Amino acid sequence: MQTVFATFVIFLSVFVLMSVGYIIKRKSVSGSCGGLANVGVDKACDCPEPCDKRKAKMAEEARAAKLQQDRII
């Protein structure tokens, strides 16, 4: 039982330290290599044309941006 409690305390302290780091620097945790952008890949699948699900998501994002742009208040 002590091992479980010690593990919980360690994980909780790491979580709190990461939260404090985010609050201070306003920078989220990122990978060491920088991801696909550093390799030269623009999107995750690198397909010539996006799938239907991706097209629908892009259309919804464009619609939301248009609504935000045309917002009166």
PDB file of N, CA and C in Angstrom:
ATOM      1  N   MET A   1       0.821  -1.196   0.000  1.00  0.00           N
ATOM      2  CA  MET A   1       0.000   0.000   0.000  1.00  0.00           C
ATOM      3  C   MET A   1       0.865   1.260   0.000  1.00  0.00           C
ATOM      4  N   GLN A   2       2.012   1.184   0.676  1.00  0.00           N
ATOM      5  CA  GLN A   2       2.909   2.340   0.727  1.00  0.00           C
ATOM      6  C   GLN A   2       3.463   2.657  -0.656  1.00  0.00           C
ATOM      7  N   THR A   3       3.700   1.618  -1.456  1.00  0.00           N
ATOM      8  CA  THR A   3       4.225   1.816  -2.810  1.00  0.00           C
ATOM      9  C   THR A   3       3.201   2.541  -3.673  1.00  0.00           C
ATOM     10  N   VAL A   4       1.952   2.157  -3.556  1.00  0.00           N
ATOM     11  CA  VAL A   4       0.886   2.801  -4.317  1.00  0.00           C
ATOM     12  C   VAL A   4       0.764   4.267  -3.899  1.00  0.00           C
ATOM     13  N   PHE A   5       0.809   4.519  -2.629  1.00  0.00           N
ATOM     14  CA  PHE A   5       0.704   5.894  -2.131  1.00  0.00           C
ATOM     15  C   PHE A   5       1.901   6.734  -2.585  1.00  0.00           C
ATOM     16  N   ALA A   6       3.112   6.161  -2.506  1.00  0.00           N
ATOM     17  CA  ALA A   6       4.315   6.880  -2.932  1.00  0.00           C
ATOM     18  C   ALA A   6       4.253   7.182  -4.425  1.00  0.00           C
ATOM     19  N   THR A   7       3.797   6.237  -5.238  1.00  0.00           N
ATOM     20  CA  THR A   7       3.666   6.442  -6.674  1.00  0.00           C
ATOM     21  C   THR A   7       2.654   7.543  -6.964  1.00  0.00           C
ATOM     22  N   PHE A   8       1.551   7.525  -6.264  1.00  0.00           N
ATOM     23  CA  PHE A   8       0.527   8.556  -6.446  1.00  0.00           C
ATOM     24  C   PHE A   8       1.081   9.936  -6.105  1.00  0.00           C
ATOM     25  N   VAL A   9       1.820  10.048  -5.026  1.00  0.00           N
ATOM     26  CA  VAL A   9       2.402  11.329  -4.615  1.00  0.00           C
ATOM     27  C   VAL A   9       3.404  11.813  -5.658  1.00  0.00           C
ATOM     28  N   ILE A  10       4.220  10.918  -6.189  1.00  0.00           N
ATOM     29  CA  ILE A  10       5.204  11.295  -7.209  1.00  0.00           C
ATOM     30  C   ILE A  10       4.504  11.804  -8.463  1.00  0.00           C
ATOM     31  N   PHE A  11       3.508  11.066  -8.950  1.00  0.00           N
ATOM     32  CA  PHE A  11       2.773  11.500 -10.137  1.00  0.00           C
ATOM     33  C   PHE A  11       2.052  12.831  -9.898  1.00  0.00           C
ATOM     34  N   LEU A  12       1.483  12.978  -8.733  1.00  0.00           N
ATOM     35  CA  LEU A  12       0.789  14.218  -8.412  1.00  0.00           C
ATOM     36  C   LEU A  12       1.756  15.399  -8.364  1.00  0.00           C
ATOM     37  N   SER A  13       2.934  15.193  -7.800  1.00  0.00           N
ATOM     38  CA  SER A  13       3.910  16.285  -7.735  1.00  0.00           C
ATOM     39  C   SER A  13       4.412  16.653  -9.131  1.00  0.00           C
ATOM     40  N   VAL A  14       4.624  15.675 -10.003  1.00  0.00           N
ATOM     41  CA  VAL A  14       5.042  15.967 -11.380  1.00  0.00           C
ATOM     42  C   VAL A  14       3.932  16.738 -12.095  1.00  0.00           C
ATOM     43  N   PHE A  15       2.707  16.334 -11.891  1.00  0.00           N
ATOM     44  CA  PHE A  15       1.568  17.023 -12.507  1.00  0.00           C
ATOM     45  C   PHE A  15       1.485  18.469 -12.032  1.00  0.00           C
ATOM     46  N   VAL A  16       1.672  18.700 -10.759  1.00  0.00           N
ATOM     47  CA  VAL A  16       1.625  20.058 -10.207  1.00  0.00           C
ATOM     48  C   VAL A  16       2.775  20.894 -10.758  1.00  0.00           C
ATOM     49  N   LEU A  17       3.975  20.335 -10.832  1.00  0.00           N
ATOM     50  CA  LEU A  17       5.123  21.073 -11.370  1.00  0.00           C
ATOM     51  C   LEU A  17       4.919  21.430 -12.835  1.00  0.00           C
ATOM     52  N   MET A  18       4.349  20.523 -13.612  1.00  0.00           N
ATOM     53  CA  MET A  18       4.065  20.820 -15.015  1.00  0.00           C
ATOM     54  C   MET A  18       3.011  21.915 -15.124  1.00  0.00           C
ATOM     55  N   SER A  19       2.034  21.904 -14.252  1.00  0.00           N
ATOM     56  CA  SER A  19       0.997  22.938 -14.250  1.00  0.00           C
ATOM     57  C   SER A  19       1.593  24.302 -13.913  1.00  0.00           C
ATOM     58  N   VAL A  20       2.464  24.344 -12.938  1.00  0.00           N
ATOM     59  CA  VAL A  20       3.110  25.608 -12.565  1.00  0.00           C
ATOM     60  C   VAL A  20       3.957  26.106 -13.732  1.00  0.00           C
ATOM     61  N   GLY A  21       4.672  25.215 -14.394  1.00  0.00           N
ATOM     62  CA  GLY A  21       5.463  25.602 -15.555  1.00  0.00           C
ATOM     63  C   GLY A  21       4.609  26.173 -16.667  1.00  0.00           C
ATOM     64  N   TYR A  22       3.450  25.577 -16.881  1.00  0.00           N
ATOM     65  CA  TYR A  22       2.543  26.098 -17.913  1.00  0.00           C
ATOM     66  C   TYR A  22       2.009  27.471 -17.519  1.00  0.00           C
ATOM     67  N   ILE A  23       1.639  27.631 -16.273  1.00  0.00           N
ATOM     68  CA  ILE A  23       1.091  28.909 -15.812  1.00  0.00           C
ATOM     69  C   ILE A  23       2.133  30.015 -15.946  1.00  0.00           C
ATOM     70  N   ILE A  24       3.376  29.718 -15.621  1.00  0.00           N
ATOM     71  CA  ILE A  24       4.431  30.741 -15.661  1.00  0.00           C
ATOM     72  C   ILE A  24       4.823  31.076 -17.095  1.00  0.00           C
ATOM     73  N   LYS A  25       5.075  30.062 -17.924  1.00  0.00           N
ATOM     74  CA  LYS A  25       5.591  30.317 -19.270  1.00  0.00           C
ATOM     75  C   LYS A  25       4.524  30.354 -20.353  1.00  0.00           C
ATOM     76  N   ARG A  26       3.338  29.875 -20.070  1.00  0.00           N
ATOM     77  CA  ARG A  26       2.260  29.796 -21.055  1.00  0.00           C
ATOM     78  C   ARG A  26       2.695  29.010 -22.291  1.00  0.00           C
ATOM     79  N   LYS A  27       3.491  27.987 -22.074  1.00  0.00           N
ATOM     80  CA  LYS A  27       3.975  27.149 -23.159  1.00  0.00           C
ATOM     81  C   LYS A  27       3.658  25.705 -22.809  1.00  0.00           C
ATOM     82  N   SER A  28       2.972  25.016 -23.707  1.00  0.00           N
ATOM     83  CA  SER A  28       2.586  23.647 -23.426  1.00  0.00           C
ATOM     84  C   SER A  28       3.758  22.688 -23.633  1.00  0.00           C
ATOM     85  N   VAL A  29       3.613  21.494 -23.151  1.00  0.00           N
ATOM     86  CA  VAL A  29       4.628  20.472 -23.306  1.00  0.00           C
ATOM     87  C   VAL A  29       4.715  20.090 -24.782  1.00  0.00           C
ATOM     88  N   SER A  30       5.931  19.997 -25.314  1.00  0.00           N
ATOM     89  CA  SER A  30       6.108  19.636 -26.717  1.00  0.00           C
ATOM     90  C   SER A  30       7.164  18.559 -26.840  1.00  0.00           C
ATOM     91  N   GLY A  31       7.156  17.886 -27.959  1.00  0.00           N
ATOM     92  CA  GLY A  31       8.122  16.834 -28.205  1.00  0.00           C
ATOM     93  C   GLY A  31       9.508  17.392 -28.466  1.00  0.00           C
ATOM     94  N   SER A  32      10.493  16.535 -28.419  1.00  0.00           N
ATOM     95  CA  SER A  32      11.871  16.993 -28.589  1.00  0.00           C
ATOM     96  C   SER A  32      12.222  17.254 -30.048  1.00  0.00           C
ATOM     97  N   CYS A  33      11.566  16.578 -30.969  1.00  0.00           N
ATOM     98  CA  CYS A  33      11.950  16.723 -32.375  1.00  0.00           C
ATOM     99  C   CYS A  33      11.148  17.806 -33.090  1.00  0.00           C
ATOM    100  N   GLY A  34      10.063  18.273 -32.538  1.00  0.00           N
ATOM    101  CA  GLY A  34       9.283  19.322 -33.169  1.00  0.00           C
ATOM    102  C   GLY A  34       8.155  18.804 -34.038  1.00  0.00           C
ATOM    103  N   GLY A  35       8.068  17.533 -34.233  1.00  0.00           N
ATOM    104  CA  GLY A  35       6.966  16.949 -34.984  1.00  0.00           C
ATOM    105  C   GLY A  35       7.183  16.930 -36.474  1.00  0.00           C
ATOM    106  N   LEU A  36       6.094  16.772 -37.208  1.00  0.00           N
ATOM    107  CA  LEU A  36       6.161  16.622 -38.658  1.00  0.00           C
ATOM    108  C   LEU A  36       6.546  17.899 -39.383  1.00  0.00           C
ATOM    109  N   ALA A  37       6.361  19.042 -38.765  1.00  0.00           N
ATOM    110  CA  ALA A  37       6.687  20.308 -39.422  1.00  0.00           C
ATOM    111  C   ALA A  37       8.183  20.412 -39.723  1.00  0.00           C
ATOM    112  N   ASN A  38       9.007  19.871 -38.852  1.00  0.00           N
ATOM    113  CA  ASN A  38      10.456  19.923 -39.075  1.00  0.00           C
ATOM    114  C   ASN A  38      10.920  18.949 -40.147  1.00  0.00           C
ATOM    115  N   VAL A  39      10.106  17.963 -40.452  1.00  0.00           N
ATOM    116  CA  VAL A  39      10.459  16.986 -41.476  1.00  0.00           C
ATOM    117  C   VAL A  39      10.054  17.483 -42.857  1.00  0.00           C
ATOM    118  N   GLY A  40       9.135  18.436 -42.919  1.00  0.00           N
ATOM    119  CA  GLY A  40       8.672  18.977 -44.188  1.00  0.00           C
ATOM    120  C   GLY A  40       7.316  18.454 -44.611  1.00  0.00           C
ATOM    121  N   VAL A  41       6.617  17.783 -43.723  1.00  0.00           N
ATOM    122  CA  VAL A  41       5.295  17.253 -44.015  1.00  0.00           C
ATOM    123  C   VAL A  41       4.272  18.266 -43.518  1.00  0.00           C
ATOM    124  N   ASP A  42       3.373  18.703 -44.418  1.00  0.00           N
ATOM    125  CA  ASP A  42       2.390  19.724 -44.056  1.00  0.00           C
ATOM    126  C   ASP A  42       1.224  19.164 -43.261  1.00  0.00           C
ATOM    127  N   LYS A  43       0.866  17.936 -43.509  1.00  0.00           N
ATOM    128  CA  LYS A  43      -0.264  17.331 -42.801  1.00  0.00           C
ATOM    129  C   LYS A  43       0.088  15.908 -42.404  1.00  0.00           C
ATOM    130  N   ALA A  44      -0.689  15.337 -41.511  1.00  0.00           N
ATOM    131  CA  ALA A  44      -0.350  14.047 -40.928  1.00  0.00           C
ATOM    132  C   ALA A  44      -0.361  12.911 -41.942  1.00  0.00           C
ATOM    133  N   CYS A  45      -1.291  12.913 -42.862  1.00  0.00           N
ATOM    134  CA  CYS A  45      -1.387  11.781 -43.786  1.00  0.00           C
ATOM    135  C   CYS A  45      -0.550  11.977 -45.037  1.00  0.00           C
ATOM    136  N   ASP A  46      -0.225  13.207 -45.404  1.00  0.00           N
ATOM    137  CA  ASP A  46       0.568  13.546 -46.584  1.00  0.00           C
ATOM    138  C   ASP A  46      -0.059  12.983 -47.870  1.00  0.00           C
ATOM    139  N   CYS A  47      -1.380  12.954 -47.910  1.00  0.00           N
ATOM    140  CA  CYS A  47      -2.110  12.481 -49.085  1.00  0.00           C
ATOM    141  C   CYS A  47      -2.290  13.649 -50.062  1.00  0.00           C
ATOM    142  N   PRO A  48      -2.428  13.354 -51.354  1.00  0.00           N
ATOM    143  CA  PRO A  48      -2.634  14.439 -52.308  1.00  0.00           C
ATOM    144  C   PRO A  48      -3.968  15.158 -52.102  1.00  0.00           C
ATOM    145  N   GLU A  49      -4.983  14.422 -51.661  1.00  0.00           N
ATOM    146  CA  GLU A  49      -6.296  15.021 -51.400  1.00  0.00           C
ATOM    147  C   GLU A  49      -6.825  14.487 -50.074  1.00  0.00           C
ATOM    148  N   PRO A  50      -7.364  15.372 -49.224  1.00  0.00           N
ATOM    149  CA  PRO A  50      -7.866  14.917 -47.924  1.00  0.00           C
ATOM    150  C   PRO A  50      -9.101  14.023 -48.062  1.00  0.00           C
ATOM    151  N   CYS A  51      -9.310  13.189 -47.058  1.00  0.00           N
ATOM    152  CA  CYS A  51     -10.467  12.298 -47.055  1.00  0.00           C
ATOM    153  C   CYS A  51     -11.740  13.101 -46.771  1.00  0.00           C
ATOM    154  N   ASP A  52     -12.882  12.452 -46.894  1.00  0.00           N
ATOM    155  CA  ASP A  52     -14.172  13.129 -46.692  1.00  0.00           C
ATOM    156  C   ASP A  52     -14.316  13.674 -45.277  1.00  0.00           C
ATOM    157  N   LYS A  53     -13.820  12.917 -44.300  1.00  0.00           N
ATOM    158  CA  LYS A  53     -13.925  13.358 -42.911  1.00  0.00           C
ATOM    159  C   LYS A  53     -13.101  14.634 -42.705  1.00  0.00           C
ATOM    160  N   ARG A  54     -11.915  14.681 -43.291  1.00  0.00           N
ATOM    161  CA  ARG A  54     -11.067  15.866 -43.172  1.00  0.00           C
ATOM    162  C   ARG A  54     -11.671  17.054 -43.913  1.00  0.00           C
ATOM    163  N   LYS A  55     -12.267  16.804 -45.088  1.00  0.00           N
ATOM    164  CA  LYS A  55     -12.923  17.874 -45.847  1.00  0.00           C
ATOM    165  C   LYS A  55     -14.066  18.483 -45.037  1.00  0.00           C
ATOM    166  N   ALA A  56     -14.844  17.626 -44.364  1.00  0.00           N
ATOM    167  CA  ALA A  56     -15.957  18.111 -43.548  1.00  0.00           C
ATOM    168  C   ALA A  56     -15.436  18.950 -42.383  1.00  0.00           C
ATOM    169  N   LYS A  57     -14.340  18.504 -41.770  1.00  0.00           N
ATOM    170  CA  LYS A  57     -13.768  19.254 -40.655  1.00  0.00           C
ATOM    171  C   LYS A  57     -13.235  20.604 -41.129  1.00  0.00           C
ATOM    172  N   MET A  58     -12.582  20.629 -42.287  1.00  0.00           N
ATOM    173  CA  MET A  58     -12.067  21.884 -42.839  1.00  0.00           C
ATOM    174  C   MET A  58     -13.202  22.832 -43.187  1.00  0.00           C
ATOM    175  N   ALA A  59     -14.313  22.291 -43.725  1.00  0.00           N
ATOM    176  CA  ALA A  59     -15.462  23.123 -44.061  1.00  0.00           C
ATOM    177  C   ALA A  59     -16.084  23.716 -42.797  1.00  0.00           C
ATOM    178  N   GLU A  60     -16.157  22.927 -41.735  1.00  0.00           N
ATOM    179  CA  GLU A  60     -16.714  23.414 -40.471  1.00  0.00           C
ATOM    180  C   GLU A  60     -15.825  24.503 -39.875  1.00  0.00           C
ATOM    181  N   GLU A  61     -14.504  24.326 -39.959  1.00  0.00           N
ATOM    182  CA  GLU A  61     -13.578  25.340 -39.455  1.00  0.00           C
ATOM    183  C   GLU A  61     -13.715  26.632 -40.259  1.00  0.00           C
ATOM    184  N   ALA A  62     -13.859  26.520 -41.575  1.00  0.00           N
ATOM    185  CA  ALA A  62     -14.030  27.701 -42.422  1.00  0.00           C
ATOM    186  C   ALA A  62     -15.344  28.407 -42.098  1.00  0.00           C
ATOM    187  N   ARG A  63     -16.387  27.625 -41.850  1.00  0.00           N
ATOM    188  CA  ARG A  63     -17.694  28.192 -41.501  1.00  0.00           C
ATOM    189  C   ARG A  63     -17.619  28.929 -40.174  1.00  0.00           C
ATOM    190  N   ALA A  64     -16.942  28.332 -39.189  1.00  0.00           N
ATOM    191  CA  ALA A  64     -16.806  28.973 -37.881  1.00  0.00           C
ATOM    192  C   ALA A  64     -15.985  30.255 -37.988  1.00  0.00           C
ATOM    193  N   ALA A  65     -14.945  30.242 -38.811  1.00  0.00           N
ATOM    194  CA  ALA A  65     -14.132  31.446 -39.001  1.00  0.00           C
ATOM    195  C   ALA A  65     -14.944  32.544 -39.678  1.00  0.00           C
ATOM    196  N   LYS A  66     -15.765  32.180 -40.649  1.00  0.00           N
ATOM    197  CA  LYS A  66     -16.607  33.149 -41.345  1.00  0.00           C
ATOM    198  C   LYS A  66     -17.639  33.757 -40.399  1.00  0.00           C
ATOM    199  N   LEU A  67     -18.250  32.904 -39.557  1.00  0.00           N
ATOM    200  CA  LEU A  67     -19.221  33.398 -38.578  1.00  0.00           C
ATOM    201  C   LEU A  67     -18.553  34.344 -37.581  1.00  0.00           C
ATOM    202  N   GLN A  68     -17.335  34.004 -37.160  1.00  0.00           N
ATOM    203  CA  GLN A  68     -16.610  34.865 -36.230  1.00  0.00           C
ATOM    204  C   GLN A  68     -16.258  36.196 -36.877  1.00  0.00           C
ATOM    205  N   GLN A  69     -15.917  36.156 -38.144  1.00  0.00           N
ATOM    206  CA  GLN A  69     -15.544  37.369 -38.869  1.00  0.00           C
ATOM    207  C   GLN A  69     -16.760  38.287 -39.074  1.00  0.00           C
ATOM    208  N   ASP A  70     -17.908  37.704 -39.364  1.00  0.00           N
ATOM    209  CA  ASP A  70     -19.121  38.482 -39.649  1.00  0.00           C
ATOM    210  C   ASP A  70     -19.933  38.794 -38.401  1.00  0.00           C
ATOM    211  N   ARG A  71     -19.407  38.476 -37.243  1.00  0.00           N
ATOM    212  CA  ARG A  71     -20.119  38.685 -35.987  1.00  0.00           C
ATOM    213  C   ARG A  71     -20.281  40.179 -35.702  1.00  0.00           C
ATOM    214  N   ILE A  72     -21.460  40.566 -35.283  1.00  0.00           N
ATOM    215  CA  ILE A  72     -21.770  41.977 -35.055  1.00  0.00           C
ATOM    216  C   ILE A  72     -21.281  42.409 -33.674  1.00  0.00           C
ATOM    217  N   ILE A  73     -21.545  41.612 -32.688  1.00  0.00           N
ATOM    218  CA  ILE A  73     -21.173  42.003 -31.314  1.00  0.00           C
ATOM    219  C   ILE A  73     -19.826  41.447 -30.983  1.00  0.00           C
TER     220      ILE A  73
END
